Amino acid sequence: MGLGIHKDGSMTIYTVPLMGGEGDDKWEDNTWLTEHLHQLARKIEESHMNIISIGTITTNATGAIPELVVKGYEHYVEAYYETKDTPLRLIRAVEFDKLSSRKKWDIWEHIAKVDWVCNRCHKAHKTDGTMDYWDGEKPFRAGMNTVQCGCCGNVLTHRTNGGQSNPFEWTFINKK
């Protein structure tokens, strides 16, 4: 038993069993439930989830087990941007993540009041605002340099030296 997490399209669904298994159907010891709810609260806070619904379902795989179900969108961070071709517009991080790398490179500088983070581990990186310096280093030197996340090793971008767009593997969170 534990916190269940699965995707349904772009929506994330968290489930927590509400009954102890293996003989604890009388609720004699529900400390496990408190721990599962702590896990759920921590996950919702870390993922900046926009909760759409909260409810219960009962699954009958090996016996009737009620589950708490929380549905919503992770990384639901909103910001505004404006370019010479686009009037002031609201954009959500989940929408930004779906854009092509070329489009991300076109608009990222115009997104206001956000911190840029690795799109895999969501750890913040310090930049000078031009992405020329990350954590005090200049990643774009001559040649085919790769910039990796210092926390998880995810390739954030690398020089393509051609007509194709450099990968843009950052997303944004609200500025702290």
N, C-alpha and C. Protein backbone atom coordinates (compact mmCIF):
# COMPACT_ATOMS: atom_id res chain seq x y z
N MET A 1 0.84 -1.18 0.00
CA MET A 1 0.00 0.00 0.00
C MET A 1 0.88 1.24 0.00
N GLY A 2 0.31 2.33 -0.46
CA GLY A 2 1.02 3.59 -0.47
C GLY A 2 0.34 4.56 -1.39
N LEU A 3 1.02 5.65 -1.64
CA LEU A 3 0.51 6.68 -2.53
C LEU A 3 0.59 6.17 -3.96
N GLY A 4 -0.54 6.12 -4.63
CA GLY A 4 -0.56 5.73 -6.04
C GLY A 4 -0.59 6.97 -6.92
N ILE A 5 0.22 6.97 -7.96
CA ILE A 5 0.28 8.11 -8.88
C ILE A 5 0.19 7.57 -10.29
N HIS A 6 -0.75 8.08 -11.09
CA HIS A 6 -0.77 7.73 -12.50
C HIS A 6 -1.32 8.89 -13.32
N LYS A 7 -1.04 8.86 -14.62
CA LYS A 7 -1.44 9.93 -15.53
C LYS A 7 -2.67 9.51 -16.31
N ASP A 8 -3.53 10.48 -16.56
CA ASP A 8 -4.69 10.30 -17.43
C ASP A 8 -4.65 11.48 -18.38
N GLY A 9 -3.95 11.33 -19.51
CA GLY A 9 -3.70 12.46 -20.39
C GLY A 9 -2.73 13.38 -19.68
N SER A 10 -3.06 14.67 -19.59
CA SER A 10 -2.18 15.61 -18.89
C SER A 10 -2.56 15.74 -17.41
N MET A 11 -3.64 15.10 -17.01
CA MET A 11 -4.07 15.15 -15.62
C MET A 11 -3.34 14.07 -14.82
N THR A 12 -3.00 14.39 -13.58
CA THR A 12 -2.36 13.43 -12.68
C THR A 12 -3.38 13.01 -11.64
N ILE A 13 -3.36 11.73 -11.31
CA ILE A 13 -4.31 11.20 -10.33
C ILE A 13 -3.52 10.56 -9.20
N TYR A 14 -3.74 11.04 -7.96
CA TYR A 14 -3.14 10.47 -6.77
C TYR A 14 -4.21 9.66 -6.05
N THR A 15 -3.85 8.47 -5.57
CA THR A 15 -4.79 7.66 -4.81
C THR A 15 -4.13 7.21 -3.50
N VAL A 16 -4.92 7.16 -2.45
CA VAL A 16 -4.47 6.69 -1.14
C VAL A 16 -5.51 5.69 -0.64
N PRO A 17 -5.09 4.46 -0.31
CA PRO A 17 -6.05 3.51 0.25
C PRO A 17 -6.54 3.99 1.61
N LEU A 18 -7.82 3.80 1.86
CA LEU A 18 -8.41 4.28 3.11
C LEU A 18 -8.69 3.15 4.10
N MET A 19 -8.23 1.95 3.78
CA MET A 19 -8.40 0.82 4.69
C MET A 19 -7.10 0.07 4.78
N GLY A 20 -6.78 -0.35 5.96
CA GLY A 20 -5.60 -1.18 6.13
C GLY A 20 -5.83 -2.55 5.52
N GLY A 21 -4.81 -3.14 5.03
CA GLY A 21 -4.94 -4.47 4.46
C GLY A 21 -4.48 -5.53 5.43
N GLU A 22 -4.60 -6.74 5.01
CA GLU A 22 -4.09 -7.89 5.75
C GLU A 22 -4.56 -7.90 7.20
N GLY A 23 -5.84 -7.89 7.39
CA GLY A 23 -6.41 -8.05 8.72
C GLY A 23 -6.66 -6.77 9.49
N ASP A 24 -6.34 -5.62 8.93
CA ASP A 24 -6.56 -4.36 9.66
C ASP A 24 -7.82 -3.66 9.14
N ASP A 25 -8.82 -4.43 8.79
CA ASP A 25 -10.05 -3.83 8.28
C ASP A 25 -10.93 -3.26 9.39
N LYS A 26 -10.51 -3.38 10.64
CA LYS A 26 -11.27 -2.81 11.75
C LYS A 26 -10.70 -1.47 12.20
N TRP A 27 -9.70 -0.97 11.51
CA TRP A 27 -9.10 0.33 11.81
C TRP A 27 -8.50 0.37 13.21
N GLU A 28 -7.90 -0.71 13.64
CA GLU A 28 -7.30 -0.73 14.97
C GLU A 28 -6.01 0.09 15.02
N ASP A 29 -5.32 0.18 13.89
CA ASP A 29 -4.09 0.98 13.83
C ASP A 29 -4.10 1.73 12.51
N ASN A 30 -4.36 3.02 12.58
CA ASN A 30 -4.41 3.80 11.34
C ASN A 30 -3.26 4.80 11.23
N THR A 31 -2.13 4.52 11.89
CA THR A 31 -0.97 5.40 11.74
C THR A 31 -0.47 5.39 10.30
N TRP A 32 -0.65 4.28 9.57
CA TRP A 32 -0.23 4.19 8.16
C TRP A 32 -1.00 5.21 7.33
N LEU A 33 -2.28 5.45 7.68
CA LEU A 33 -3.08 6.41 6.92
C LEU A 33 -2.51 7.82 7.09
N THR A 34 -2.10 8.15 8.30
CA THR A 34 -1.50 9.46 8.55
C THR A 34 -0.25 9.63 7.70
N GLU A 35 0.57 8.60 7.62
CA GLU A 35 1.80 8.68 6.80
C GLU A 35 1.46 8.84 5.32
N HIS A 36 0.47 8.12 4.83
CA HIS A 36 0.07 8.25 3.42
C HIS A 36 -0.46 9.65 3.12
N LEU A 37 -1.21 10.21 4.05
CA LEU A 37 -1.73 11.57 3.85
C LEU A 37 -0.60 12.60 3.88
N HIS A 38 0.41 12.36 4.72
CA HIS A 38 1.60 13.23 4.70
C HIS A 38 2.30 13.15 3.34
N GLN A 39 2.44 11.93 2.80
CA GLN A 39 3.04 11.77 1.48
C GLN A 39 2.24 12.51 0.41
N LEU A 40 0.93 12.38 0.49
CA LEU A 40 0.05 13.05 -0.48
C LEU A 40 0.20 14.57 -0.39
N ALA A 41 0.17 15.10 0.82
CA ALA A 41 0.31 16.55 1.00
C ALA A 41 1.65 17.05 0.48
N ARG A 42 2.73 16.32 0.78
CA ARG A 42 4.07 16.70 0.32
C ARG A 42 4.14 16.67 -1.21
N LYS A 43 3.57 15.64 -1.84
CA LYS A 43 3.59 15.52 -3.29
C LYS A 43 2.80 16.65 -3.95
N ILE A 44 1.63 16.99 -3.40
CA ILE A 44 0.82 18.08 -3.95
C ILE A 44 1.57 19.40 -3.84
N GLU A 45 2.22 19.63 -2.71
CA GLU A 45 2.96 20.87 -2.53
C GLU A 45 4.16 20.95 -3.48
N GLU A 46 4.92 19.87 -3.61
CA GLU A 46 6.10 19.86 -4.48
C GLU A 46 5.75 20.02 -5.95
N SER A 47 4.61 19.48 -6.36
CA SER A 47 4.27 19.49 -7.78
C SER A 47 3.43 20.69 -8.19
N HIS A 48 3.15 21.60 -7.26
CA HIS A 48 2.33 22.78 -7.57
C HIS A 48 1.04 22.35 -8.27
N MET A 49 0.34 21.41 -7.67
CA MET A 49 -0.84 20.82 -8.31
C MET A 49 -2.05 21.74 -8.21
N ASN A 50 -2.75 21.87 -9.32
CA ASN A 50 -4.05 22.54 -9.34
C ASN A 50 -5.09 21.43 -9.22
N ILE A 51 -5.73 21.33 -8.06
CA ILE A 51 -6.66 20.24 -7.79
C ILE A 51 -7.98 20.50 -8.50
N ILE A 52 -8.41 19.52 -9.26
CA ILE A 52 -9.68 19.59 -9.99
C ILE A 52 -10.79 18.90 -9.21
N SER A 53 -10.49 17.73 -8.62
CA SER A 53 -11.52 17.04 -7.84
C SER A 53 -10.89 16.17 -6.76
N ILE A 54 -11.66 15.98 -5.69
CA ILE A 54 -11.29 15.10 -4.59
C ILE A 54 -12.50 14.23 -4.31
N GLY A 55 -12.29 12.93 -4.21
CA GLY A 55 -13.41 12.04 -3.95
C GLY A 55 -12.91 10.68 -3.50
N THR A 56 -13.79 9.72 -3.48
CA THR A 56 -13.42 8.35 -3.13
C THR A 56 -13.97 7.39 -4.18
N ILE A 57 -13.27 6.28 -4.33
CA ILE A 57 -13.76 5.18 -5.16
C ILE A 57 -13.50 3.90 -4.39
N THR A 58 -14.17 2.85 -4.75
CA THR A 58 -13.93 1.55 -4.14
C THR A 58 -13.50 0.60 -5.24
N THR A 59 -12.33 0.00 -5.05
CA THR A 59 -11.85 -1.00 -5.99
C THR A 59 -12.08 -2.37 -5.38
N ASN A 60 -12.31 -3.35 -6.23
CA ASN A 60 -12.63 -4.69 -5.76
C ASN A 60 -11.68 -5.74 -6.33
N ALA A 61 -10.40 -5.42 -6.44
CA ALA A 61 -9.45 -6.37 -7.01
C ALA A 61 -9.32 -7.61 -6.14
N THR A 62 -9.05 -7.43 -4.86
CA THR A 62 -8.93 -8.57 -3.93
C THR A 62 -9.90 -8.43 -2.77
N GLY A 63 -10.78 -7.49 -2.83
CA GLY A 63 -11.73 -7.18 -1.77
C GLY A 63 -12.02 -5.70 -1.83
N ALA A 64 -13.14 -5.29 -1.28
CA ALA A 64 -13.54 -3.89 -1.37
C ALA A 64 -12.58 -3.01 -0.57
N ILE A 65 -11.86 -2.14 -1.28
CA ILE A 65 -10.93 -1.22 -0.63
C ILE A 65 -11.26 0.20 -1.09
N PRO A 66 -11.74 1.05 -0.17
CA PRO A 66 -12.00 2.43 -0.55
C PRO A 66 -10.69 3.19 -0.70
N GLU A 67 -10.65 4.12 -1.66
CA GLU A 67 -9.46 4.93 -1.89
C GLU A 67 -9.84 6.39 -2.01
N LEU A 68 -9.02 7.25 -1.41
CA LEU A 68 -9.12 8.69 -1.62
C LEU A 68 -8.50 8.98 -2.98
N VAL A 69 -9.18 9.76 -3.83
CA VAL A 69 -8.70 10.07 -5.17
C VAL A 69 -8.63 11.58 -5.33
N VAL A 70 -7.44 12.08 -5.68
CA VAL A 70 -7.23 13.50 -5.93
C VAL A 70 -6.79 13.64 -7.38
N LYS A 71 -7.55 14.40 -8.18
CA LYS A 71 -7.23 14.61 -9.59
C LYS A 71 -6.88 16.07 -9.83
N GLY A 72 -5.88 16.29 -10.66
CA GLY A 72 -5.50 17.66 -10.97
C GLY A 72 -4.35 17.73 -11.95
N TYR A 73 -3.84 18.93 -12.11
CA TYR A 73 -2.74 19.17 -13.05
C TYR A 73 -1.50 19.57 -12.27
N GLU A 74 -0.41 18.82 -12.48
CA GLU A 74 0.85 19.14 -11.82
C GLU A 74 1.52 20.32 -12.51
N HIS A 75 2.40 20.97 -11.76
CA HIS A 75 3.20 22.08 -12.28
C HIS A 75 2.30 23.14 -12.91
N TYR A 76 1.21 23.43 -12.22
CA TYR A 76 0.22 24.37 -12.71
C TYR A 76 0.61 25.77 -12.28
N VAL A 77 1.63 26.26 -12.91
CA VAL A 77 2.18 27.57 -12.60
C VAL A 77 1.79 28.50 -13.73
N GLU A 78 1.37 29.70 -13.40
CA GLU A 78 0.95 30.66 -14.42
C GLU A 78 1.88 31.86 -14.42
N ALA A 79 2.09 32.41 -15.60
CA ALA A 79 2.89 33.63 -15.75
C ALA A 79 2.37 34.39 -16.96
N TYR A 80 2.86 35.61 -17.12
CA TYR A 80 2.46 36.43 -18.26
C TYR A 80 3.67 36.70 -19.15
N TYR A 81 3.40 36.83 -20.44
CA TYR A 81 4.45 37.26 -21.35
C TYR A 81 3.85 38.13 -22.44
N GLU A 82 4.71 38.91 -23.06
CA GLU A 82 4.30 39.81 -24.13
C GLU A 82 5.48 39.98 -25.07
N THR A 83 5.24 39.81 -26.37
CA THR A 83 6.28 40.05 -27.37
C THR A 83 5.76 41.09 -28.34
N LYS A 84 6.61 41.49 -29.28
CA LYS A 84 6.15 42.49 -30.26
C LYS A 84 5.02 41.94 -31.13
N ASP A 85 4.96 40.60 -31.28
CA ASP A 85 3.91 39.98 -32.10
C ASP A 85 2.73 39.45 -31.28
N THR A 86 2.89 39.39 -29.97
CA THR A 86 1.86 38.81 -29.12
C THR A 86 1.50 39.80 -28.02
N PRO A 87 0.21 40.16 -27.88
CA PRO A 87 -0.18 41.03 -26.76
C PRO A 87 -0.03 40.27 -25.44
N LEU A 88 -0.12 40.99 -24.34
CA LEU A 88 0.02 40.39 -23.01
C LEU A 88 -0.85 39.14 -22.92
N ARG A 89 -0.22 38.04 -22.54
CA ARG A 89 -0.91 36.76 -22.55
C ARG A 89 -0.52 35.93 -21.35
N LEU A 90 -1.49 35.22 -20.80
CA LEU A 90 -1.26 34.29 -19.70
C LEU A 90 -0.77 32.97 -20.30
N ILE A 91 0.25 32.37 -19.69
CA ILE A 91 0.71 31.05 -20.12
C ILE A 91 0.94 30.21 -18.87
N ARG A 92 0.56 28.96 -18.93
CA ARG A 92 0.78 28.03 -17.83
C ARG A 92 2.01 27.19 -18.16
N ALA A 93 2.71 26.75 -17.13
CA ALA A 93 3.91 25.93 -17.34
C ALA A 93 3.57 24.66 -18.13
N VAL A 94 2.41 24.07 -17.88
CA VAL A 94 2.04 22.85 -18.62
C VAL A 94 1.86 23.15 -20.10
N GLU A 95 1.39 24.35 -20.45
CA GLU A 95 1.26 24.74 -21.86
C GLU A 95 2.63 25.02 -22.46
N PHE A 96 3.49 25.72 -21.71
CA PHE A 96 4.83 26.03 -22.17
C PHE A 96 5.60 24.74 -22.47
N ASP A 97 5.45 23.74 -21.60
CA ASP A 97 6.16 22.48 -21.77
C ASP A 97 5.80 21.77 -23.07
N LYS A 98 4.61 22.01 -23.59
CA LYS A 98 4.16 21.36 -24.82
C LYS A 98 4.65 22.06 -26.09
N LEU A 99 5.20 23.28 -25.96
CA LEU A 99 5.66 24.03 -27.12
C LEU A 99 6.92 23.40 -27.70
N SER A 100 7.18 23.68 -28.97
CA SER A 100 8.42 23.22 -29.59
C SER A 100 9.59 23.99 -28.97
N SER A 101 10.77 23.42 -29.07
CA SER A 101 11.95 24.10 -28.54
C SER A 101 12.14 25.46 -29.20
N ARG A 102 11.90 25.55 -30.49
CA ARG A 102 12.07 26.82 -31.21
C ARG A 102 11.15 27.89 -30.63
N LYS A 103 9.88 27.53 -30.37
CA LYS A 103 8.92 28.49 -29.80
C LYS A 103 9.33 28.87 -28.38
N LYS A 104 9.81 27.90 -27.60
CA LYS A 104 10.27 28.20 -26.24
C LYS A 104 11.41 29.21 -26.27
N TRP A 105 12.38 29.00 -27.18
CA TRP A 105 13.50 29.94 -27.28
C TRP A 105 13.00 31.33 -27.70
N ASP A 106 11.94 31.39 -28.49
CA ASP A 106 11.41 32.68 -28.94
C ASP A 106 10.76 33.49 -27.83
N ILE A 107 10.12 32.81 -26.86
CA ILE A 107 9.34 33.56 -25.87
C ILE A 107 9.87 33.53 -24.45
N TRP A 108 10.83 32.67 -24.12
CA TRP A 108 11.20 32.48 -22.72
C TRP A 108 11.64 33.77 -22.05
N GLU A 109 12.36 34.64 -22.76
CA GLU A 109 12.84 35.88 -22.16
C GLU A 109 11.72 36.85 -21.80
N HIS A 110 10.55 36.65 -22.39
CA HIS A 110 9.43 37.56 -22.18
C HIS A 110 8.49 37.09 -21.06
N ILE A 111 8.75 35.93 -20.49
CA ILE A 111 7.92 35.42 -19.41
C ILE A 111 8.42 36.04 -18.11
N ALA A 112 7.54 36.77 -17.45
CA ALA A 112 7.94 37.61 -16.30
C ALA A 112 7.77 36.90 -14.96
N LYS A 113 8.65 37.24 -14.04
CA LYS A 113 8.55 36.86 -12.63
C LYS A 113 8.51 35.35 -12.40
N VAL A 114 9.44 34.63 -13.05
CA VAL A 114 9.53 33.19 -12.85
C VAL A 114 10.99 32.79 -12.63
N ASP A 115 11.17 31.62 -12.05
CA ASP A 115 12.49 30.99 -11.97
C ASP A 115 12.48 29.83 -12.95
N TRP A 116 13.59 29.63 -13.63
CA TRP A 116 13.70 28.54 -14.61
C TRP A 116 14.29 27.32 -13.94
N VAL A 117 13.67 26.17 -14.18
CA VAL A 117 14.06 24.93 -13.52
C VAL A 117 14.16 23.80 -14.55
N CYS A 118 14.89 22.77 -14.17
CA CYS A 118 14.97 21.56 -14.99
C CYS A 118 13.57 20.99 -15.13
N ASN A 119 13.20 20.56 -16.35
CA ASN A 119 11.83 20.05 -16.51
C ASN A 119 11.68 18.61 -16.03
N ARG A 120 12.75 17.99 -15.56
CA ARG A 120 12.63 16.64 -15.00
C ARG A 120 12.54 16.68 -13.48
N CYS A 121 13.50 17.35 -12.80
CA CYS A 121 13.52 17.32 -11.34
C CYS A 121 12.96 18.59 -10.71
N HIS A 122 12.73 19.64 -11.50
CA HIS A 122 12.16 20.91 -11.05
C HIS A 122 12.98 21.60 -9.97
N LYS A 123 14.31 21.44 -10.05
CA LYS A 123 15.21 22.15 -9.15
C LYS A 123 15.60 23.46 -9.82
N ALA A 124 15.60 24.55 -9.06
CA ALA A 124 15.89 25.87 -9.61
C ALA A 124 17.38 26.02 -9.90
N HIS A 125 17.67 26.73 -10.96
CA HIS A 125 19.04 27.06 -11.33
C HIS A 125 19.15 28.57 -11.39
N LYS A 126 20.32 29.09 -11.05
CA LYS A 126 20.51 30.53 -11.10
C LYS A 126 21.02 30.90 -12.48
N THR A 127 20.40 31.89 -13.08
CA THR A 127 20.82 32.37 -14.39
C THR A 127 20.91 33.88 -14.35
N ASP A 128 21.67 34.42 -15.27
CA ASP A 128 21.79 35.88 -15.33
C ASP A 128 20.62 36.49 -16.10
N GLY A 129 19.66 35.67 -16.49
CA GLY A 129 18.49 36.17 -17.21
C GLY A 129 18.63 36.03 -18.72
N THR A 130 19.81 35.68 -19.19
CA THR A 130 20.00 35.48 -20.63
C THR A 130 20.31 34.03 -20.93
N MET A 131 20.43 33.23 -19.90
CA MET A 131 20.84 31.82 -19.98
C MET A 131 22.27 31.69 -20.48
N ASP A 132 23.05 32.79 -20.49
CA ASP A 132 24.46 32.71 -20.84
C ASP A 132 25.26 32.17 -19.66
N TYR A 133 24.80 32.41 -18.44
CA TYR A 133 25.50 31.94 -17.25
C TYR A 133 24.53 31.15 -16.39
N TRP A 134 24.90 29.89 -16.12
CA TRP A 134 24.11 29.03 -15.24
C TRP A 134 25.00 28.63 -14.08
N ASP A 135 24.55 28.88 -12.88
CA ASP A 135 25.31 28.56 -11.67
C ASP A 135 26.74 29.07 -11.77
N GLY A 136 26.90 30.29 -12.33
CA GLY A 136 28.19 30.94 -12.39
C GLY A 136 29.07 30.53 -13.55
N GLU A 137 28.62 29.63 -14.41
CA GLU A 137 29.43 29.18 -15.54
C GLU A 137 28.79 29.58 -16.85
N LYS A 138 29.62 29.81 -17.85
CA LYS A 138 29.13 30.16 -19.17
C LYS A 138 29.07 28.87 -20.00
N PRO A 139 27.88 28.31 -20.23
CA PRO A 139 27.79 27.01 -20.90
C PRO A 139 27.96 27.08 -22.41
N PHE A 140 27.71 28.21 -23.03
CA PHE A 140 27.73 28.28 -24.48
C PHE A 140 29.09 28.75 -24.99
N ARG A 141 30.08 27.88 -24.91
CA ARG A 141 31.39 28.17 -25.47
C ARG A 141 31.40 27.64 -26.90
N ALA A 142 32.44 27.94 -27.64
CA ALA A 142 32.53 27.46 -29.01
C ALA A 142 32.48 25.93 -29.02
N GLY A 143 31.84 25.37 -30.02
CA GLY A 143 31.76 23.92 -30.13
C GLY A 143 30.41 23.40 -29.72
N MET A 144 30.33 22.11 -29.58
CA MET A 144 29.07 21.43 -29.30
C MET A 144 28.94 21.18 -27.80
N ASN A 145 28.74 22.22 -27.02
CA ASN A 145 28.64 22.09 -25.57
C ASN A 145 27.25 21.64 -25.16
N THR A 146 27.21 20.88 -24.10
CA THR A 146 25.97 20.41 -23.52
C THR A 146 25.82 21.00 -22.14
N VAL A 147 24.62 21.44 -21.79
CA VAL A 147 24.33 21.94 -20.45
C VAL A 147 23.45 20.89 -19.78
N GLN A 148 23.92 20.39 -18.64
CA GLN A 148 23.18 19.39 -17.90
C GLN A 148 22.72 19.94 -16.56
N CYS A 149 21.62 19.40 -16.06
CA CYS A 149 21.13 19.75 -14.73
C CYS A 149 22.13 19.23 -13.70
N GLY A 150 22.53 20.09 -12.78
CA GLY A 150 23.46 19.68 -11.75
C GLY A 150 22.86 18.75 -10.73
N CYS A 151 21.53 18.65 -10.69
CA CYS A 151 20.88 17.79 -9.70
C CYS A 151 20.59 16.39 -10.22
N CYS A 152 20.05 16.29 -11.45
CA CYS A 152 19.63 14.98 -11.94
C CYS A 152 20.36 14.54 -13.21
N GLY A 153 21.16 15.41 -13.82
CA GLY A 153 21.90 15.04 -15.03
C GLY A 153 21.12 15.18 -16.32
N ASN A 154 19.87 15.64 -16.26
CA ASN A 154 19.06 15.83 -17.46
C ASN A 154 19.76 16.82 -18.40
N VAL A 155 19.80 16.52 -19.70
CA VAL A 155 20.38 17.44 -20.67
C VAL A 155 19.39 18.57 -20.88
N LEU A 156 19.78 19.78 -20.46
CA LEU A 156 18.91 20.94 -20.57
C LEU A 156 18.95 21.54 -21.97
N THR A 157 20.11 21.56 -22.56
CA THR A 157 20.26 21.99 -23.95
C THR A 157 21.65 21.60 -24.42
N HIS A 158 21.85 21.62 -25.72
CA HIS A 158 23.18 21.48 -26.28
C HIS A 158 23.19 22.20 -27.63
N ARG A 159 24.36 22.66 -28.02
CA ARG A 159 24.48 23.39 -29.27
C ARG A 159 24.28 22.44 -30.43
N THR A 160 23.47 22.83 -31.39
CA THR A 160 23.27 22.00 -32.58
C THR A 160 24.13 22.47 -33.74
N ASN A 161 24.59 23.74 -33.72
CA ASN A 161 25.41 24.31 -34.79
C ASN A 161 24.80 24.09 -36.17
N GLY A 162 23.52 24.21 -36.24
CA GLY A 162 22.86 24.02 -37.53
C GLY A 162 21.54 24.74 -37.54
N GLY A 163 20.73 24.44 -38.53
CA GLY A 163 19.44 25.09 -38.68
C GLY A 163 18.40 24.61 -37.68
N GLN A 164 18.63 23.44 -37.07
CA GLN A 164 17.65 22.96 -36.11
C GLN A 164 17.74 23.75 -34.81
N SER A 165 16.68 23.73 -34.05
CA SER A 165 16.63 24.50 -32.81
C SER A 165 17.30 23.73 -31.68
N ASN A 166 18.08 24.42 -30.87
CA ASN A 166 18.68 23.79 -29.70
C ASN A 166 17.57 23.31 -28.77
N PRO A 167 17.72 22.15 -28.15
CA PRO A 167 16.70 21.68 -27.20
C PRO A 167 16.53 22.68 -26.06
N PHE A 168 15.34 22.80 -25.55
CA PHE A 168 15.02 23.70 -24.43
C PHE A 168 14.30 22.85 -23.40
N GLU A 169 15.05 22.31 -22.45
CA GLU A 169 14.49 21.38 -21.48
C GLU A 169 14.32 21.99 -20.10
N TRP A 170 13.96 23.28 -20.06
CA TRP A 170 13.63 23.96 -18.82
C TRP A 170 12.13 24.20 -18.79
N THR A 171 11.61 24.42 -17.61
CA THR A 171 10.26 24.89 -17.44
C THR A 171 10.34 25.99 -16.38
N PHE A 172 9.21 26.56 -16.01
CA PHE A 172 9.28 27.64 -15.02
C PHE A 172 8.41 27.36 -13.81
N ILE A 173 8.81 27.99 -12.70
CA ILE A 173 8.02 27.98 -11.47
C ILE A 173 7.91 29.42 -11.02
N ASN A 174 6.99 29.71 -10.11
CA ASN A 174 6.86 31.07 -9.60
C ASN A 174 8.10 31.47 -8.84
N LYS A 175 8.51 32.72 -9.02
CA LYS A 175 9.68 33.26 -8.34
C LYS A 175 9.44 33.23 -6.85
N LYS A 176 10.43 32.80 -6.11
CA LYS A 176 10.29 32.68 -4.65
C LYS A 176 10.61 33.97 -3.97
